[in-house]
Amino acid sequence: MSLRAVIFDVDGVLVRSMENHAAAYQKAFAEIGVAIRPEEVYANEGRRSREVIESLAQERGLDLSEAKLEEMNRRKQATFYAFGPAPLYPGVRDLLERLHAHGLRLAAVTGTNRANVHHHLGELVNLFDVLVTSDDVTRTKPDPEPYLKALEKLRLKPEECVVVENAPLGIRAAKAAGLRVVGVLTTNPPDVLRKAGADWVEPSTADAWKVLEGLA
């Protein structure tokens, strides 16, 4: 069945924002005397920020109160927003416009909230037919719900779509929804993406065109 839509993750795929996310989590945890490595943040990408904080705390055996978790989440978000909008990865705008010109529908599925998406993408968000954020689902990645929601909104079958992802939890979510995935090497090494189930692995988001062109 021919390709009819491409579904993109946002952080780490469309925008170079994961480094800022990692720095914001590091600052929030440093305030309680805990060091966090960027790789730990990348491994949790796809979850809501509050869920990431809780996961990182649990991994260290920290028993944080609900009030403390909320306080850390607020501080993390404030630090992240202070960085300003993250830049697009090279070639992203051209790729989106090229796919759009080929008559393919575009969707974005992200574990962040809608405000963050508009914060980073600005007017580019208008190229997307469907947007699914953490505000739209009950369960975030690696649960398939976000991708199933995108398919529902697109009114398409899994075999008519391909996902572009950079994170293992996102790849697992997409595969659980029956979707094919192009993994891009923006934040994780190829073996991590392949282990998560990526069907193809490309060096960058712009390089995903090599796969998508052959399917369109």
Protein backbone atom coordinates (compact mmCIF):
# COMPACT_ATOMS: atom_id res chain seq x y z
CA MET A 1 0.00 0.00 0.00
CA SER A 2 1.43 3.39 -0.98
CA LEU A 3 2.53 5.96 1.56
CA ARG A 4 -0.09 8.61 2.35
CA ALA A 5 1.22 10.30 5.50
CA VAL A 6 4.39 10.86 7.50
CA ILE A 7 4.21 11.18 11.28
CA PHE A 8 7.01 13.05 13.05
CA ASP A 9 8.10 13.22 16.64
CA VAL A 10 8.97 16.83 17.54
CA ASP A 11 11.76 17.10 20.14
CA GLY A 12 14.95 15.62 18.76
CA VAL A 13 13.43 15.11 15.30
CA LEU A 14 12.12 18.45 14.05
CA VAL A 15 13.79 20.73 16.58
CA ARG A 16 17.16 20.54 18.33
CA SER A 17 15.62 20.80 21.79
CA MET A 18 16.72 17.69 23.66
CA GLU A 19 19.95 19.29 24.81
CA ASN A 20 17.89 22.08 26.42
CA HIS A 21 15.52 19.55 27.97
CA ALA A 22 18.48 17.65 29.44
CA ALA A 23 20.02 20.83 30.86
CA ALA A 24 16.68 21.80 32.44
CA TYR A 25 16.29 18.40 34.10
CA GLN A 26 19.89 18.55 35.30
CA LYS A 27 19.27 21.91 36.95
CA ALA A 28 16.05 20.71 38.63
CA PHE A 29 17.83 17.66 40.09
CA ALA A 30 20.99 19.57 40.99
CA GLU A 31 18.88 21.65 43.36
CA ILE A 32 18.30 18.49 45.42
CA GLY A 33 21.94 17.39 45.08
CA VAL A 34 21.42 14.77 42.37
CA ALA A 35 23.42 14.53 39.13
CA ILE A 36 21.60 13.52 35.93
CA ARG A 37 23.28 12.47 32.67
CA PRO A 38 21.81 13.66 29.34
CA GLU A 39 21.58 10.04 28.17
CA GLU A 40 19.12 9.32 30.98
CA VAL A 41 16.87 12.11 29.75
CA TYR A 42 17.09 10.86 26.15
CA ALA A 43 16.11 7.35 27.30
CA ASN A 44 12.94 8.80 28.87
CA GLU A 45 12.01 11.01 25.92
CA GLY A 46 8.36 10.70 24.93
CA ARG A 47 6.95 10.95 28.43
CA ARG A 48 5.47 14.03 30.07
CA SER A 49 8.08 16.06 31.97
CA ARG A 50 6.50 15.19 35.32
CA GLU A 51 6.69 11.50 34.37
CA VAL A 52 10.36 11.85 33.42
CA ILE A 53 11.18 13.45 36.77
CA GLU A 54 9.34 10.71 38.62
CA SER A 55 11.11 8.00 36.59
CA LEU A 56 14.56 9.48 37.18
CA ALA A 57 13.82 9.84 40.91
CA GLN A 58 12.61 6.25 41.19
CA GLU A 59 15.73 4.96 39.43
CA ARG A 60 17.75 6.54 42.27
CA GLY A 61 15.50 5.26 45.02
CA LEU A 62 14.29 8.76 45.87
CA ASP A 63 10.94 8.99 47.62
CA LEU A 64 9.80 12.47 46.64
CA SER A 65 6.49 13.92 47.73
CA GLU A 66 3.85 14.98 45.22
CA ALA A 67 4.51 18.59 46.14
CA LYS A 68 8.25 18.18 45.51
CA LEU A 69 7.68 16.49 42.17
CA GLU A 70 5.39 19.32 41.09
CA GLU A 71 7.90 21.94 42.26
CA MET A 72 10.71 20.27 40.28
CA ASN A 73 8.48 20.02 37.24
CA ARG A 74 7.68 23.74 37.41
CA ARG A 75 11.35 24.62 37.75
CA LYS A 76 12.31 22.34 34.89
CA GLN A 77 9.70 23.90 32.62
CA ALA A 78 10.71 27.44 33.59
CA THR A 79 14.36 26.68 32.83
CA PHE A 80 13.46 25.08 29.51
CA TYR A 81 11.33 28.03 28.37
CA ALA A 82 14.11 30.43 29.36
CA PHE A 83 16.29 28.96 26.62
CA GLY A 84 13.82 30.27 24.02
CA PRO A 85 12.61 28.44 20.90
CA ALA A 86 14.94 25.65 19.77
CA PRO A 87 16.23 25.72 16.18
CA LEU A 88 15.03 23.36 13.49
CA TYR A 89 17.45 20.65 12.49
CA PRO A 90 19.14 21.35 9.14
CA GLY A 91 16.93 20.44 6.19
CA VAL A 92 13.73 19.99 8.21
CA ARG A 93 11.79 22.84 6.62
CA ASP A 94 12.79 21.65 3.14
CA LEU A 95 11.81 18.07 3.97
CA LEU A 96 8.38 19.06 5.26
CA GLU A 97 7.70 21.27 2.26
CA ARG A 98 8.89 18.54 -0.11
CA LEU A 99 6.61 15.94 1.48
CA HIS A 100 3.73 18.41 1.41
CA ALA A 101 4.40 19.08 -2.30
CA HIS A 102 4.26 15.32 -2.95
CA GLY A 103 0.72 15.30 -1.58
CA LEU A 104 1.60 13.51 1.62
CA ARG A 105 -0.24 14.41 4.80
CA LEU A 106 1.85 15.37 7.84
CA ALA A 107 1.29 14.66 11.51
CA ALA A 108 3.28 15.42 14.66
CA VAL A 109 3.10 13.17 17.73
CA THR A 110 4.94 14.32 20.82
CA GLY A 111 5.17 13.69 24.54
CA THR A 112 5.40 17.41 25.22
CA ASN A 113 2.43 19.76 25.54
CA ARG A 114 0.81 21.82 22.80
CA ALA A 115 2.29 25.07 24.09
CA ASN A 116 5.83 23.69 23.69
CA VAL A 117 5.11 22.62 20.12
CA HIS A 118 3.89 26.08 19.12
CA HIS A 119 6.80 27.61 21.07
CA HIS A 120 9.30 25.78 18.86
CA LEU A 121 7.59 25.38 15.49
CA GLY A 122 5.79 28.71 15.24
CA GLU A 123 4.14 29.15 11.84
CA LEU A 124 5.64 25.84 10.65
CA VAL A 125 2.96 24.05 12.66
CA ASN A 126 0.52 25.05 9.92
CA LEU A 127 2.09 22.46 7.60
CA PHE A 128 0.75 19.68 9.83
CA ASP A 129 -2.68 18.17 9.24
CA VAL A 130 -2.71 16.49 12.66
CA LEU A 131 -1.05 17.33 15.97
CA VAL A 132 -1.13 14.95 18.95
CA THR A 133 0.46 16.18 22.18
CA SER A 134 0.48 15.08 25.81
CA ASP A 135 -2.63 17.22 26.24
CA ASP A 136 -4.55 14.89 23.92
CA VAL A 137 -3.84 11.48 25.47
CA THR A 138 -4.12 9.61 28.75
CA ARG A 139 -1.00 7.49 28.26
CA THR A 140 2.20 8.79 26.69
CA LYS A 141 4.96 6.89 24.86
CA PRO A 142 5.91 4.01 24.99
CA ASP A 143 2.17 3.32 25.06
CA PRO A 144 0.81 3.25 21.49
CA GLU A 145 -2.07 5.60 22.35
CA PRO A 146 -0.46 8.77 20.88
CA TYR A 147 0.19 7.08 17.53
CA LEU A 148 -3.18 5.37 17.48
CA LYS A 149 -4.75 8.79 18.10
CA ALA A 150 -2.82 10.19 15.12
CA LEU A 151 -4.03 7.36 12.88
CA GLU A 152 -7.57 7.99 14.04
CA LYS A 153 -7.32 11.70 13.23
CA LEU A 154 -5.66 11.02 9.88
CA ARG A 155 -8.27 8.34 9.12
CA LEU A 156 -5.53 6.14 7.72
CA LYS A 157 -4.28 2.60 8.27
CA PRO A 158 -0.86 1.94 9.84
CA GLU A 159 0.50 0.58 6.55
CA GLU A 160 -0.30 3.92 4.87
CA CYS A 161 1.98 5.85 7.23
CA VAL A 162 5.62 6.00 8.30
CA VAL A 163 6.95 7.49 11.54
CA VAL A 164 10.19 9.45 11.97
CA GLU A 165 11.50 9.06 15.53
CA ASN A 166 14.73 9.55 17.46
CA ALA A 167 13.93 7.92 20.80
CA PRO A 168 13.49 4.28 21.89
CA LEU A 169 10.22 4.91 23.75
CA GLY A 170 8.76 6.62 20.69
CA ILE A 171 9.86 3.83 18.39
CA ARG A 172 8.33 1.23 20.71
CA ALA A 173 5.07 3.21 20.79
CA ALA A 174 4.93 3.47 17.00
CA LYS A 175 5.70 -0.22 16.48
CA ALA A 176 3.02 -1.18 19.02
CA ALA A 177 0.58 0.84 16.89
CA GLY A 178 1.57 -1.22 13.84
CA LEU A 179 3.62 1.52 12.17
CA ARG A 180 6.91 1.45 10.29
CA VAL A 181 9.64 3.67 11.71
CA VAL A 182 12.62 5.60 10.40
CA GLY A 183 14.99 6.15 13.31
CA VAL A 184 17.26 9.21 13.14
CA LEU A 185 20.58 9.53 14.93
CA THR A 186 20.12 12.89 16.61
CA THR A 187 20.27 11.77 20.25
CA ASN A 188 20.79 8.00 20.35
CA PRO A 189 23.23 5.55 18.68
CA PRO A 190 22.01 3.19 15.93
CA ASP A 191 22.03 0.05 18.09
CA VAL A 192 19.59 1.67 20.56
CA LEU A 193 17.18 2.57 17.75
CA ARG A 194 17.41 -0.84 16.10
CA LYS A 195 16.89 -2.62 19.43
CA ALA A 196 13.75 -0.52 19.95
CA GLY A 197 12.45 -1.75 16.58
CA ALA A 198 13.35 0.89 13.98
CA ASP A 199 12.85 -0.43 10.44
CA TRP A 200 15.39 2.00 8.98
CA VAL A 201 18.10 4.13 10.58
CA GLU A 202 19.30 7.37 8.97
CA PRO A 203 21.91 9.91 10.13
CA SER A 204 19.51 12.87 10.29
CA THR A 205 15.90 13.91 9.88
CA ALA A 206 16.66 15.35 6.45
CA ASP A 207 18.13 11.98 5.44
CA ALA A 208 14.77 10.32 6.15
CA TRP A 209 13.85 11.49 2.64
CA LYS A 210 15.97 8.65 1.27
CA VAL A 211 13.47 6.18 2.73
CA LEU A 212 10.28 8.22 2.30
CA GLU A 213 10.91 8.99 -1.38
CA GLY A 214 11.07 5.29 -2.18
CA LEU A 215 7.76 4.64 -0.42
CA ALA A 216 5.79 7.61 -1.73
